[in-house]
Amino acid sequence: MIVNKSNDIYKVILLINLQLFINLPGGLEYKTSIADTLITLIEENPEAKENGLAHLCEFIEDCEHTSLAVRILHLLGMEGPKTSNPARYIR
């Protein structure tokens, strides 16, 4: 995929929308699909990592799906220490 400035704006818009959608009511499959997309965005776009991790961190505070929360906690444990401010992800 060729990355250019016009693609960057779409990534930002996608990230914002995913952050909004993950907080809407829904079941495990719905939340997992959104979390998977956020995780993919974080993995493929280093500039989206800190914002994406911060939102996943906020999401798991009220997450009622243990398997999804554990998966996100694992990601935070692996990627959080590599960020510029790891303490941001400690609650």
Protein backbone atom coordinates (compact mmCIF):
# COMPACT_ATOMS: atom_id res chain seq x y z
CA MET A 1 0.00 0.00 0.00
CA ILE A 2 1.33 3.41 -0.92
CA VAL A 3 1.10 5.75 2.05
CA ASN A 4 0.63 9.42 1.35
CA LYS A 5 -0.87 12.42 3.10
CA SER A 6 -4.38 11.73 1.79
CA ASN A 7 -4.29 8.23 3.32
CA ASP A 8 -3.23 9.65 6.69
CA ILE A 9 -6.45 11.64 7.08
CA TYR A 10 -8.48 8.48 6.44
CA LYS A 11 -6.53 6.63 9.14
CA VAL A 12 -7.23 9.41 11.62
CA ILE A 13 -10.93 9.42 10.75
CA LEU A 14 -11.06 5.62 11.03
CA LEU A 15 -9.33 5.69 14.42
CA ILE A 16 -11.74 8.33 15.75
CA ASN A 17 -14.78 6.40 14.53
CA LEU A 18 -13.53 3.11 15.96
CA GLN A 19 -12.98 4.81 19.31
CA LEU A 20 -16.58 6.02 19.24
CA PHE A 21 -18.04 2.70 18.07
CA ILE A 22 -16.28 0.55 20.67
CA ASN A 23 -18.13 2.45 23.41
CA LEU A 24 -21.55 1.77 21.92
CA PRO A 25 -23.64 -1.10 23.30
CA GLY A 26 -22.83 -4.44 21.72
CA GLY A 27 -21.86 -8.02 22.34
CA LEU A 28 -18.50 -9.74 22.44
CA GLU A 29 -18.31 -10.31 18.68
CA TYR A 30 -19.02 -6.63 17.96
CA LYS A 31 -16.46 -5.39 20.51
CA THR A 32 -13.86 -7.94 19.38
CA SER A 33 -14.19 -6.88 15.73
CA ILE A 34 -13.64 -3.24 16.63
CA ALA A 35 -10.76 -4.06 18.97
CA ASP A 36 -9.14 -6.21 16.26
CA THR A 37 -9.34 -3.31 13.82
CA LEU A 38 -7.87 -0.90 16.38
CA ILE A 39 -5.05 -3.34 17.10
CA THR A 40 -4.31 -3.73 13.39
CA LEU A 41 -4.21 0.05 13.00
CA ILE A 42 -1.82 0.30 15.96
CA GLU A 43 0.45 -2.43 14.59
CA GLU A 44 0.59 -1.04 11.05
CA ASN A 45 0.82 2.67 11.90
CA PRO A 46 3.38 3.65 14.53
CA GLU A 47 1.98 7.19 14.65
CA ALA A 48 -1.38 5.79 15.80
CA LYS A 49 0.10 3.58 18.52
CA GLU A 50 -0.03 5.87 21.54
CA ASN A 51 -3.51 7.22 20.86
CA GLY A 52 -4.87 3.77 20.06
CA LEU A 53 -3.32 2.20 23.15
CA ALA A 54 -4.69 5.00 25.32
CA HIS A 55 -8.19 4.40 24.05
CA LEU A 56 -7.94 0.63 24.50
CA CYS A 57 -6.74 1.32 28.03
CA GLU A 58 -9.85 3.43 28.68
CA PHE A 59 -12.08 0.79 27.10
CA ILE A 60 -10.97 -2.08 29.34
CA GLU A 61 -11.87 -0.13 32.48
CA ASP A 62 -15.54 -0.85 31.80
CA CYS A 63 -15.16 -3.93 29.61
CA GLU A 64 -17.52 -6.73 30.61
CA HIS A 65 -15.85 -9.31 28.33
CA THR A 66 -12.97 -10.90 30.23
CA SER A 67 -11.37 -12.60 27.22
CA LEU A 68 -11.22 -9.31 25.31
CA ALA A 69 -9.91 -7.40 28.33
CA VAL A 70 -7.12 -9.97 28.84
CA ARG A 71 -6.13 -9.69 25.19
CA ILE A 72 -5.96 -5.90 25.38
CA LEU A 73 -4.03 -6.06 28.67
CA HIS A 74 -1.50 -8.33 26.98
CA LEU A 75 -1.12 -5.83 24.14
CA LEU A 76 -0.72 -2.96 26.61
CA GLY A 77 1.91 -4.97 28.49
CA MET A 78 3.87 -5.64 25.31
CA GLU A 79 3.55 -2.25 23.59
CA GLY A 80 3.06 0.19 26.48
CA PRO A 81 6.68 0.11 27.72
CA LYS A 82 7.90 0.95 24.20
CA THR A 83 6.00 4.26 24.12
CA SER A 84 7.31 7.70 25.10
CA ASN A 85 5.21 7.77 28.30
CA PRO A 86 4.48 4.25 29.59
CA ALA A 87 2.93 5.55 32.81
CA ARG A 88 0.03 6.87 30.74
CA TYR A 89 -1.36 3.32 30.54
CA ILE A 90 -1.27 2.56 34.27
CA ARG A 91 -4.61 2.90 36.05
